[in-house]
């Protein structure tokens, strides 16, 4: 059996294949959950939005829209959107107006 498929090269590192090119979206139950996180944030609160079921580009555009409407900063990390501050109620209103099913999770 001849397995001559190149996987790693010392010149360019990992070689991407067609299987790697497909973006695998995390599947959820259709409910968007907003929770407040302070762990690892030096005591500062962050509102985390999970379960959106969107690809990275859609998440980035939604994140920028949410940041503008809330008037604060944020970022996209591993298919979750993190918005600075405890603005969960405002985020819930915005996402429900876009037709999403939203729940506030955690304390």
PDB file of N, CA and C in Angstrom:
ATOM      1  N   UNK A   1       0.835  -1.161   0.000  1.00  0.00           N
ATOM      2  CA  UNK A   1       0.000   0.000   0.000  1.00  0.00           C
ATOM      3  C   UNK A   1       0.893   1.242   0.000  1.00  0.00           C
ATOM      4  N   UNK A   2       0.677   2.130  -0.948  1.00  0.00           N
ATOM      5  CA  UNK A   2       1.503   3.313  -1.074  1.00  0.00           C
ATOM      6  C   UNK A   2       0.736   4.535  -0.566  1.00  0.00           C
ATOM      7  N   UNK A   3       1.137   5.037   0.563  1.00  0.00           N
ATOM      8  CA  UNK A   3       0.488   6.213   1.150  1.00  0.00           C
ATOM      9  C   UNK A   3       1.432   7.393   0.975  1.00  0.00           C
ATOM     10  N   UNK A   4       1.309   8.094  -0.145  1.00  0.00           N
ATOM     11  CA  UNK A   4       2.244   9.174  -0.453  1.00  0.00           C
ATOM     12  C   UNK A   4       1.629  10.550  -0.266  1.00  0.00           C
ATOM     13  N   UNK A   5       0.574  10.655   0.496  1.00  0.00           N
ATOM     14  CA  UNK A   5      -0.077  11.937   0.731  1.00  0.00           C
ATOM     15  C   UNK A   5       0.762  12.760   1.712  1.00  0.00           C
ATOM     16  N   UNK A   6       1.136  13.980   1.311  1.00  0.00           N
ATOM     17  CA  UNK A   6       1.960  14.848   2.137  1.00  0.00           C
ATOM     18  C   UNK A   6       1.091  15.525   3.193  1.00  0.00           C
ATOM     19  N   UNK A   7       1.444  15.371   4.456  1.00  0.00           N
ATOM     20  CA  UNK A   7       0.669  15.931   5.552  1.00  0.00           C
ATOM     21  C   UNK A   7       1.401  17.090   6.215  1.00  0.00           C
ATOM     22  N   UNK A   8       2.722  17.004   6.310  1.00  0.00           N
ATOM     23  CA  UNK A   8       3.500  18.029   6.994  1.00  0.00           C
ATOM     24  C   UNK A   8       4.783  18.268   6.214  1.00  0.00           C
ATOM     25  N   UNK A   9       5.149  19.537   6.101  1.00  0.00           N
ATOM     26  CA  UNK A   9       6.392  19.890   5.431  1.00  0.00           C
ATOM     27  C   UNK A   9       7.184  20.819   6.341  1.00  0.00           C
ATOM     28  N   UNK A  10       8.489  20.660   6.387  1.00  0.00           N
ATOM     29  CA  UNK A  10       9.299  21.529   7.233  1.00  0.00           C
ATOM     30  C   UNK A  10       9.364  22.947   6.676  1.00  0.00           C
ATOM     31  N   UNK A  11       9.063  23.124   5.397  1.00  0.00           N
ATOM     32  CA  UNK A  11       9.073  24.468   4.813  1.00  0.00           C
ATOM     33  C   UNK A  11       7.832  25.273   5.194  1.00  0.00           C
ATOM     34  N   UNK A  12       6.650  24.651   5.086  1.00  0.00           N
ATOM     35  CA  UNK A  12       5.416  25.414   5.282  1.00  0.00           C
ATOM     36  C   UNK A  12       4.564  24.931   6.447  1.00  0.00           C
ATOM     37  N   UNK A  13       4.948  23.905   7.162  1.00  0.00           N
ATOM     38  CA  UNK A  13       4.176  23.414   8.289  1.00  0.00           C
ATOM     39  C   UNK A  13       3.099  22.442   7.852  1.00  0.00           C
ATOM     40  N   UNK A  14       1.967  22.461   8.529  1.00  0.00           N
ATOM     41  CA  UNK A  14       0.873  21.535   8.243  1.00  0.00           C
ATOM     42  C   UNK A  14       0.256  21.846   6.881  1.00  0.00           C
ATOM     43  N   UNK A  15       0.058  20.821   6.090  1.00  0.00           N
ATOM     44  CA  UNK A  15      -0.543  20.945   4.773  1.00  0.00           C
ATOM     45  C   UNK A  15      -2.039  20.685   4.922  1.00  0.00           C
ATOM     46  N   UNK A  16      -2.876  21.640   4.527  1.00  0.00           N
ATOM     47  CA  UNK A  16      -4.321  21.451   4.665  1.00  0.00           C
ATOM     48  C   UNK A  16      -4.829  20.568   3.539  1.00  0.00           C
ATOM     49  N   UNK A  17      -5.817  19.744   3.886  1.00  0.00           N
ATOM     50  CA  UNK A  17      -6.420  18.845   2.913  1.00  0.00           C
ATOM     51  C   UNK A  17      -7.853  19.275   2.664  1.00  0.00           C
ATOM     52  N   UNK A  18      -8.524  18.622   1.754  1.00  0.00           N
ATOM     53  CA  UNK A  18      -9.917  18.957   1.451  1.00  0.00           C
ATOM     54  C   UNK A  18     -10.816  18.679   2.643  1.00  0.00           C
ATOM     55  N   UNK A  19     -10.496  17.654   3.427  1.00  0.00           N
ATOM     56  CA  UNK A  19     -11.305  17.344   4.605  1.00  0.00           C
ATOM     57  C   UNK A  19     -11.163  18.446   5.659  1.00  0.00           C
ATOM     58  N   UNK A  20      -9.966  19.044   5.764  1.00  0.00           N
ATOM     59  CA  UNK A  20      -9.738  20.104   6.744  1.00  0.00           C
ATOM     60  C   UNK A  20     -10.407  21.409   6.327  1.00  0.00           C
ATOM     61  N   UNK A  21     -10.642  21.581   5.045  1.00  0.00           N
ATOM     62  CA  UNK A  21     -11.173  22.845   4.541  1.00  0.00           C
ATOM     63  C   UNK A  21     -12.623  23.072   4.951  1.00  0.00           C
ATOM     64  N   UNK A  22     -13.373  21.998   5.182  1.00  0.00           N
ATOM     65  CA  UNK A  22     -14.770  22.148   5.587  1.00  0.00           C
ATOM     66  C   UNK A  22     -14.840  22.661   7.017  1.00  0.00           C
ATOM     67  N   UNK A  23     -15.674  23.694   7.218  1.00  0.00           N
ATOM     68  CA  UNK A  23     -15.843  24.247   8.554  1.00  0.00           C
ATOM     69  C   UNK A  23     -16.964  23.492   9.258  1.00  0.00           C
ATOM     70  N   UNK A  24     -16.652  22.926  10.408  1.00  0.00           N
ATOM     71  CA  UNK A  24     -17.635  22.158  11.167  1.00  0.00           C
ATOM     72  C   UNK A  24     -18.241  23.068  12.224  1.00  0.00           C
ATOM     73  N   UNK A  25     -19.535  23.357  12.074  1.00  0.00           N
ATOM     74  CA  UNK A  25     -20.228  24.227  13.013  1.00  0.00           C
ATOM     75  C   UNK A  25     -20.707  23.407  14.205  1.00  0.00           C
ATOM     76  N   UNK A  26     -20.578  23.958  15.414  1.00  0.00           N
ATOM     77  CA  UNK A  26     -21.107  23.239  16.572  1.00  0.00           C
ATOM     78  C   UNK A  26     -22.630  23.217  16.515  1.00  0.00           C
ATOM     79  N   UNK A  27     -23.204  22.034  16.685  1.00  0.00           N
ATOM     80  CA  UNK A  27     -24.656  21.929  16.627  1.00  0.00           C
ATOM     81  C   UNK A  27     -25.241  22.195  18.003  1.00  0.00           C
ATOM     82  N   UNK A  28     -26.339  22.902  18.024  1.00  0.00           N
ATOM     83  CA  UNK A  28     -26.998  23.224  19.273  1.00  0.00           C
ATOM     84  C   UNK A  28     -28.443  22.778  19.241  1.00  0.00           C
ATOM     85  N   UNK A  29     -29.206  23.194  20.239  1.00  0.00           N
ATOM     86  CA  UNK A  29     -30.611  22.823  20.306  1.00  0.00           C
ATOM     87  C   UNK A  29     -31.525  23.933  19.797  1.00  0.00           C
ATOM     88  N   UNK A  30     -30.953  24.951  19.166  1.00  0.00           N
ATOM     89  CA  UNK A  30     -31.752  26.040  18.613  1.00  0.00           C
ATOM     90  C   UNK A  30     -32.014  27.165  19.587  1.00  0.00           C
ATOM     91  N   UNK A  31     -31.471  27.075  20.781  1.00  0.00           N
ATOM     92  CA  UNK A  31     -31.669  28.115  21.789  1.00  0.00           C
ATOM     93  C   UNK A  31     -30.341  28.832  22.013  1.00  0.00           C
ATOM     94  N   UNK A  32     -30.385  30.147  21.909  1.00  0.00           N
ATOM     95  CA  UNK A  32     -29.199  30.963  22.146  1.00  0.00           C
ATOM     96  C   UNK A  32     -29.130  31.244  23.644  1.00  0.00           C
ATOM     97  N   UNK A  33     -27.979  30.991  24.253  1.00  0.00           N
ATOM     98  CA  UNK A  33     -27.822  31.204  25.693  1.00  0.00           C
ATOM     99  C   UNK A  33     -26.839  32.342  25.948  1.00  0.00           C
ATOM    100  N   UNK A  34     -27.257  33.255  26.828  1.00  0.00           N
ATOM    101  CA  UNK A  34     -26.417  34.389  27.209  1.00  0.00           C
ATOM    102  C   UNK A  34     -26.077  34.221  28.683  1.00  0.00           C
ATOM    103  N   UNK A  35     -24.778  34.201  28.991  1.00  0.00           N
ATOM    104  CA  UNK A  35     -24.382  34.076  30.395  1.00  0.00           C
ATOM    105  C   UNK A  35     -23.280  35.066  30.732  1.00  0.00           C
ATOM    106  N   UNK A  36     -23.147  35.328  32.004  1.00  0.00           N
ATOM    107  CA  UNK A  36     -22.128  36.256  32.493  1.00  0.00           C
ATOM    108  C   UNK A  36     -20.941  35.455  32.985  1.00  0.00           C
ATOM    109  N   UNK A  37     -19.748  35.850  32.512  1.00  0.00           N
ATOM    110  CA  UNK A  37     -18.524  35.149  32.890  1.00  0.00           C
ATOM    111  C   UNK A  37     -17.563  36.154  33.528  1.00  0.00           C
ATOM    112  N   UNK A  38     -16.987  35.776  34.682  1.00  0.00           N
ATOM    113  CA  UNK A  38     -15.954  36.607  35.307  1.00  0.00           C
ATOM    114  C   UNK A  38     -14.666  35.822  35.488  1.00  0.00           C
ATOM    115  N   UNK A  39     -14.742  34.501  35.374  1.00  0.00           N
ATOM    116  CA  UNK A  39     -13.575  33.653  35.594  1.00  0.00           C
ATOM    117  C   UNK A  39     -12.521  33.903  34.515  1.00  0.00           C
ATOM    118  N   UNK A  40     -11.303  34.185  34.927  1.00  0.00           N
ATOM    119  CA  UNK A  40     -10.213  34.418  33.995  1.00  0.00           C
ATOM    120  C   UNK A  40     -10.217  35.792  33.372  1.00  0.00           C
ATOM    121  N   UNK A  41     -11.076  36.679  33.868  1.00  0.00           N
ATOM    122  CA  UNK A  41     -11.188  38.024  33.298  1.00  0.00           C
ATOM    123  C   UNK A  41     -10.759  39.098  34.295  1.00  0.00           C
ATOM    124  N   UNK A  42     -10.018  38.704  35.330  1.00  0.00           N
ATOM    125  CA  UNK A  42      -9.529  39.613  36.365  1.00  0.00           C
ATOM    126  C   UNK A  42     -10.671  40.378  37.040  1.00  0.00           C
ATOM    127  N   UNK A  43     -11.781  39.681  37.288  1.00  0.00           N
ATOM    128  CA  UNK A  43     -12.907  40.275  37.994  1.00  0.00           C
ATOM    129  C   UNK A  43     -13.849  41.082  37.128  1.00  0.00           C
ATOM    130  N   UNK A  44     -13.511  41.319  35.886  1.00  0.00           N
ATOM    131  CA  UNK A  44     -14.369  42.089  34.989  1.00  0.00           C
ATOM    132  C   UNK A  44     -15.399  41.146  34.371  1.00  0.00           C
ATOM    133  N   UNK A  45     -16.635  41.583  34.285  1.00  0.00           N
ATOM    134  CA  UNK A  45     -17.705  40.752  33.747  1.00  0.00           C
ATOM    135  C   UNK A  45     -17.771  40.806  32.230  1.00  0.00           C
ATOM    136  N   UNK A  46     -18.102  39.672  31.628  1.00  0.00           N
ATOM    137  CA  UNK A  46     -18.252  39.551  30.185  1.00  0.00           C
ATOM    138  C   UNK A  46     -19.543  38.793  29.917  1.00  0.00           C
ATOM    139  N   UNK A  47     -20.343  39.266  28.968  1.00  0.00           N
ATOM    140  CA  UNK A  47     -21.547  38.548  28.551  1.00  0.00           C
ATOM    141  C   UNK A  47     -21.186  37.635  27.393  1.00  0.00           C
ATOM    142  N   UNK A  48     -21.387  36.333  27.567  1.00  0.00           N
ATOM    143  CA  UNK A  48     -21.017  35.340  26.562  1.00  0.00           C
ATOM    144  C   UNK A  48     -22.275  34.818  25.878  1.00  0.00           C
ATOM    145  N   UNK A  49     -22.265  34.796  24.547  1.00  0.00           N
ATOM    146  CA  UNK A  49     -23.412  34.337  23.760  1.00  0.00           C
ATOM    147  C   UNK A  49     -23.007  33.043  23.059  1.00  0.00           C
ATOM    148  N   UNK A  50     -23.739  31.964  23.345  1.00  0.00           N
ATOM    149  CA  UNK A  50     -23.422  30.647  22.785  1.00  0.00           C
ATOM    150  C   UNK A  50     -24.636  30.071  22.076  1.00  0.00           C
ATOM    151  N   UNK A  51     -24.382  29.121  21.165  1.00  0.00           N
ATOM    152  CA  UNK A  51     -25.463  28.396  20.506  1.00  0.00           C
ATOM    153  C   UNK A  51     -26.059  29.100  19.316  1.00  0.00           C
ATOM    154  N   UNK A  52     -25.291  29.954  18.660  1.00  0.00           N
ATOM    155  CA  UNK A  52     -25.825  30.698  17.523  1.00  0.00           C
ATOM    156  C   UNK A  52     -25.878  29.865  16.248  1.00  0.00           C
ATOM    157  N   UNK A  53     -24.993  28.895  16.091  1.00  0.00           N
ATOM    158  CA  UNK A  53     -25.001  28.029  14.914  1.00  0.00           C
ATOM    159  C   UNK A  53     -24.659  28.754  13.631  1.00  0.00           C
ATOM    160  N   UNK A  54     -23.734  29.705  13.689  1.00  0.00           N
ATOM    161  CA  UNK A  54     -23.311  30.475  12.518  1.00  0.00           C
ATOM    162  C   UNK A  54     -21.843  30.200  12.231  1.00  0.00           C
ATOM    163  N   UNK A  55     -21.413  30.499  11.006  1.00  0.00           N
ATOM    164  CA  UNK A  55     -19.989  30.368  10.701  1.00  0.00           C
ATOM    165  C   UNK A  55     -19.242  31.604  11.202  1.00  0.00           C
ATOM    166  N   UNK A  56     -17.927  31.583  11.106  1.00  0.00           N
ATOM    167  CA  UNK A  56     -17.089  32.649  11.686  1.00  0.00           C
ATOM    168  C   UNK A  56     -17.401  34.032  11.108  1.00  0.00           C
ATOM    169  N   UNK A  57     -17.625  34.117   9.785  1.00  0.00           N
ATOM    170  CA  UNK A  57     -17.897  35.417   9.172  1.00  0.00           C
ATOM    171  C   UNK A  57     -19.217  36.007   9.661  1.00  0.00           C
ATOM    172  N   UNK A  58     -20.263  35.175   9.745  1.00  0.00           N
ATOM    173  CA  UNK A  58     -21.550  35.644  10.251  1.00  0.00           C
ATOM    174  C   UNK A  58     -21.442  36.078  11.706  1.00  0.00           C
ATOM    175  N   UNK A  59     -20.647  35.336  12.502  1.00  0.00           N
ATOM    176  CA  UNK A  59     -20.461  35.703  13.906  1.00  0.00           C
ATOM    177  C   UNK A  59     -19.765  37.050  14.038  1.00  0.00           C
ATOM    178  N   UNK A  60     -18.779  37.310  13.178  1.00  0.00           N
ATOM    179  CA  UNK A  60     -18.059  38.581  13.247  1.00  0.00           C
ATOM    180  C   UNK A  60     -18.969  39.756  12.915  1.00  0.00           C
ATOM    181  N   UNK A  61     -19.827  39.604  11.901  1.00  0.00           N
ATOM    182  CA  UNK A  61     -20.735  40.706  11.557  1.00  0.00           C
ATOM    183  C   UNK A  61     -21.773  40.913  12.657  1.00  0.00           C
ATOM    184  N   UNK A  62     -22.298  39.817  13.237  1.00  0.00           N
ATOM    185  CA  UNK A  62     -23.248  39.951  14.338  1.00  0.00           C
ATOM    186  C   UNK A  62     -22.581  40.579  15.553  1.00  0.00           C
ATOM    187  N   UNK A  63     -21.330  40.190  15.820  1.00  0.00           N
ATOM    188  CA  UNK A  63     -20.590  40.745  16.949  1.00  0.00           C
ATOM    189  C   UNK A  63     -20.418  42.256  16.794  1.00  0.00           C
ATOM    190  N   UNK A  64     -20.054  42.701  15.608  1.00  0.00           N
ATOM    191  CA  UNK A  64     -19.863  44.144  15.402  1.00  0.00           C
ATOM    192  C   UNK A  64     -21.183  44.890  15.547  1.00  0.00           C
ATOM    193  N   UNK A  65     -22.284  44.290  15.101  1.00  0.00           N
ATOM    194  CA  UNK A  65     -23.604  44.914  15.270  1.00  0.00           C
ATOM    195  C   UNK A  65     -23.954  45.039  16.751  1.00  0.00           C
ATOM    196  N   UNK A  66     -23.728  43.968  17.510  1.00  0.00           N
ATOM    197  CA  UNK A  66     -24.040  43.980  18.939  1.00  0.00           C
ATOM    198  C   UNK A  66     -23.177  44.985  19.684  1.00  0.00           C
ATOM    199  N   UNK A  67     -21.895  45.076  19.319  1.00  0.00           N
ATOM    200  CA  UNK A  67     -20.997  46.024  19.981  1.00  0.00           C
ATOM    201  C   UNK A  67     -21.459  47.456  19.733  1.00  0.00           C
ATOM    202  N   UNK A  68     -21.892  47.754  18.513  1.00  0.00           N
ATOM    203  CA  UNK A  68     -22.366  49.109  18.194  1.00  0.00           C
ATOM    204  C   UNK A  68     -23.627  49.444  18.962  1.00  0.00           C
ATOM    205  N   UNK A  69     -24.567  48.481  19.046  1.00  0.00           N
ATOM    206  CA  UNK A  69     -25.833  48.748  19.711  1.00  0.00           C
ATOM    207  C   UNK A  69     -25.703  48.806  21.231  1.00  0.00           C
ATOM    208  N   UNK A  70     -24.707  48.098  21.791  1.00  0.00           N
ATOM    209  CA  UNK A  70     -24.504  48.120  23.242  1.00  0.00           C
ATOM    210  C   UNK A  70     -23.512  49.209  23.657  1.00  0.00           C
ATOM    211  N   UNK A  71     -22.710  49.695  22.719  1.00  0.00           N
ATOM    212  CA  UNK A  71     -21.739  50.733  23.033  1.00  0.00           C
ATOM    213  C   UNK A  71     -20.564  50.229  23.844  1.00  0.00           C
ATOM    214  N   UNK A  72     -20.119  49.017  23.570  1.00  0.00           N
ATOM    215  CA  UNK A  72     -18.984  48.451  24.297  1.00  0.00           C
ATOM    216  C   UNK A  72     -18.195  47.529  23.378  1.00  0.00           C
ATOM    217  N   UNK A  73     -17.091  47.012  23.878  1.00  0.00           N
ATOM    218  CA  UNK A  73     -16.218  46.156  23.085  1.00  0.00           C
ATOM    219  C   UNK A  73     -16.622  44.698  23.166  1.00  0.00           C
ATOM    220  N   UNK A  74     -15.949  43.881  22.372  1.00  0.00           N
ATOM    221  CA  UNK A  74     -16.223  42.458  22.386  1.00  0.00           C
ATOM    222  C   UNK A  74     -15.382  41.742  21.353  1.00  0.00           C
ATOM    223  N   UNK A  75     -15.548  40.421  21.307  1.00  0.00           N
ATOM    224  CA  UNK A  75     -14.769  39.601  20.369  1.00  0.00           C
ATOM    225  C   UNK A  75     -15.471  38.275  20.125  1.00  0.00           C
ATOM    226  N   UNK A  76     -15.038  37.585  19.061  1.00  0.00           N
ATOM    227  CA  UNK A  76     -15.524  36.242  18.745  1.00  0.00           C
ATOM    228  C   UNK A  76     -14.433  35.251  19.121  1.00  0.00           C
ATOM    229  N   UNK A  77     -14.783  34.276  19.976  1.00  0.00           N
ATOM    230  CA  UNK A  77     -13.823  33.256  20.406  1.00  0.00           C
ATOM    231  C   UNK A  77     -14.492  31.898  20.357  1.00  0.00           C
ATOM    232  N   UNK A  78     -13.992  31.005  19.505  1.00  0.00           N
ATOM    233  CA  UNK A  78     -14.468  29.619  19.414  1.00  0.00           C
ATOM    234  C   UNK A  78     -15.992  29.517  19.297  1.00  0.00           C
ATOM    235  N   UNK A  79     -16.557  30.156  18.299  1.00  0.00           N
ATOM    236  CA  UNK A  79     -17.985  30.133  17.993  1.00  0.00           C
ATOM    237  C   UNK A  79     -18.854  30.718  19.105  1.00  0.00           C
ATOM    238  N   UNK A  80     -18.284  31.500  20.006  1.00  0.00           N
ATOM    239  CA  UNK A  80     -19.052  32.252  20.991  1.00  0.00           C
ATOM    240  C   UNK A  80     -18.694  33.725  20.846  1.00  0.00           C
ATOM    241  N   UNK A  81     -19.649  34.580  21.145  1.00  0.00           N
ATOM    242  CA  UNK A  81     -19.413  36.022  21.116  1.00  0.00           C
ATOM    243  C   UNK A  81     -19.298  36.487  22.552  1.00  0.00           C
ATOM    244  N   UNK A  82     -18.241  37.239  22.846  1.00  0.00           N
ATOM    245  CA  UNK A  82     -18.064  37.813  24.179  1.00  0.00           C
ATOM    246  C   UNK A  82     -18.187  39.325  24.072  1.00  0.00           C
ATOM    247  N   UNK A  83     -19.143  39.885  24.808  1.00  0.00           N
ATOM    248  CA  UNK A  83     -19.369  41.331  24.853  1.00  0.00           C
ATOM    249  C   UNK A  83     -18.986  41.812  26.243  1.00  0.00           C
ATOM    250  N   UNK A  84     -18.203  42.875  26.311  1.00  0.00           N
ATOM    251  CA  UNK A  84     -17.721  43.375  27.595  1.00  0.00           C
ATOM    252  C   UNK A  84     -18.857  43.976  28.402  1.00  0.00           C
ATOM    253  N   UNK A  85     -18.850  43.688  29.693  1.00  0.00           N
ATOM    254  CA  UNK A  85     -19.846  44.225  30.607  1.00  0.00           C
ATOM    255  C   UNK A  85     -21.033  43.283  30.762  1.00  0.00           C
ATOM    256  N   UNK A  86     -21.881  43.594  31.743  1.00  0.00           N
ATOM    257  CA  UNK A  86     -23.084  42.802  31.983  1.00  0.00           C
ATOM    258  C   UNK A  86     -24.253  43.466  31.263  1.00  0.00           C
ATOM    259  N   UNK A  87     -24.404  43.153  29.982  1.00  0.00           N
ATOM    260  CA  UNK A  87     -25.454  43.744  29.148  1.00  0.00           C
ATOM    261  C   UNK A  87     -26.382  42.637  28.625  1.00  0.00           C
ATOM    262  N   UNK A  88     -26.644  41.650  29.474  1.00  0.00           N
ATOM    263  CA  UNK A  88     -27.412  40.484  29.044  1.00  0.00           C
ATOM    264  C   UNK A  88     -28.843  40.836  28.629  1.00  0.00           C
ATOM    265  N   UNK A  89     -29.493  41.714  29.384  1.00  0.00           N
ATOM    266  CA  UNK A  89     -30.880  42.073  29.071  1.00  0.00           C
ATOM    267  C   UNK A  89     -30.968  42.777  27.713  1.00  0.00           C
ATOM    268  N   UNK A  90     -30.040  43.686  27.459  1.00  0.00           N
ATOM    269  CA  UNK A  90     -30.022  44.393  26.186  1.00  0.00           C
ATOM    270  C   UNK A  90     -29.728  43.445  25.028  1.00  0.00           C
ATOM    271  N   UNK A  91     -28.790  42.521  25.228  1.00  0.00           N
ATOM    272  CA  UNK A  91     -28.465  41.529  24.201  1.00  0.00           C
ATOM    273  C   UNK A  91     -29.666  40.628  23.920  1.00  0.00           C
ATOM    274  N   UNK A  92     -30.398  40.277  24.978  1.00  0.00           N
ATOM    275  CA  UNK A  92     -31.578  39.431  24.808  1.00  0.00           C
ATOM    276  C   UNK A  92     -32.613  40.127  23.943  1.00  0.00           C
ATOM    277  N   UNK A  93     -32.849  41.402  24.196  1.00  0.00           N
ATOM    278  CA  UNK A  93     -33.819  42.166  23.399  1.00  0.00           C
ATOM    279  C   UNK A  93     -33.395  42.242  21.940  1.00  0.00           C
ATOM    280  N   UNK A  94     -32.110  42.505  21.702  1.00  0.00           N
ATOM    281  CA  UNK A  94     -31.604  42.647  20.329  1.00  0.00           C
ATOM    282  C   UNK A  94     -31.732  41.333  19.574  1.00  0.00           C
ATOM    283  N   UNK A  95     -31.321  40.226  20.203  1.00  0.00           N
ATOM    284  CA  UNK A  95     -31.347  38.926  19.533  1.00  0.00           C
ATOM    285  C   UNK A  95     -32.782  38.430  19.318  1.00  0.00           C
ATOM    286  N   UNK A  96     -33.687  38.723  20.260  1.00  0.00           N
ATOM    287  CA  UNK A  96     -35.083  38.331  20.077  1.00  0.00           C
ATOM    288  C   UNK A  96     -35.728  39.128  18.943  1.00  0.00           C
ATOM    289  N   UNK A  97     -35.310  40.384  18.765  1.00  0.00           N
ATOM    290  CA  UNK A  97     -35.844  41.175  17.658  1.00  0.00           C
ATOM    291  C   UNK A  97     -35.370  40.634  16.308  1.00  0.00           C
ATOM    292  N   UNK A  98     -34.273  39.876  16.300  1.00  0.00           N
ATOM    293  CA  UNK A  98     -33.769  39.240  15.083  1.00  0.00           C
ATOM    294  C   UNK A  98     -34.402  37.865  14.869  1.00  0.00           C
ATOM    295  N   UNK A  99     -35.343  37.481  15.732  1.00  0.00           N
ATOM    296  CA  UNK A  99     -36.071  36.223  15.566  1.00  0.00           C
ATOM    297  C   UNK A  99     -35.421  35.013  16.190  1.00  0.00           C
ATOM    298  N   UNK A 100     -34.529  35.205  17.142  1.00  0.00           N
ATOM    299  CA  UNK A 100     -33.855  34.076  17.792  1.00  0.00           C
ATOM    300  C   UNK A 100     -34.537  33.768  19.127  1.00  0.00           C
ATOM    301  N   UNK A 101     -34.456  32.501  19.522  1.00  0.00           N
ATOM    302  CA  UNK A 101     -34.984  32.059  20.810  1.00  0.00           C
ATOM    303  C   UNK A 101     -33.850  32.183  21.822  1.00  0.00           C
ATOM    304  N   UNK A 102     -34.029  33.037  22.837  1.00  0.00           N
ATOM    305  CA  UNK A 102     -32.939  33.388  23.745  1.00  0.00           C
ATOM    306  C   UNK A 102     -33.291  33.049  25.180  1.00  0.00           C
ATOM    307  N   UNK A 103     -32.308  32.519  25.912  1.00  0.00           N
ATOM    308  CA  UNK A 103     -32.445  32.262  27.359  1.00  0.00           C
ATOM    309  C   UNK A 103     -31.253  32.868  28.078  1.00  0.00           C
ATOM    310  N   UNK A 104     -31.494  33.418  29.267  1.00  0.00           N
ATOM    311  CA  UNK A 104     -30.414  33.883  30.123  1.00  0.00           C
ATOM    312  C   UNK A 104     -29.970  32.701  30.982  1.00  0.00           C
ATOM    313  N   UNK A 105     -28.686  32.381  30.921  1.00  0.00           N
ATOM    314  CA  UNK A 105     -28.167  31.227  31.645  1.00  0.00           C
ATOM    315  C   UNK A 105     -27.177  31.704  32.706  1.00  0.00           C
ATOM    316  N   UNK A 106     -27.030  30.942  33.752  1.00  0.00           N
ATOM    317  CA  UNK A 106     -26.065  31.270  34.795  1.00  0.00           C
ATOM    318  C   UNK A 106     -26.518  32.416  35.664  1.00  0.00           C
ATOM    319  N   UNK A 107     -25.622  32.875  36.534  1.00  0.00           N
ATOM    320  CA  UNK A 107     -25.979  33.928  37.486  1.00  0.00           C
ATOM    321  C   UNK A 107     -25.330  35.153  37.157  1.00  0.00           C
TER     322      UNK A 107
END
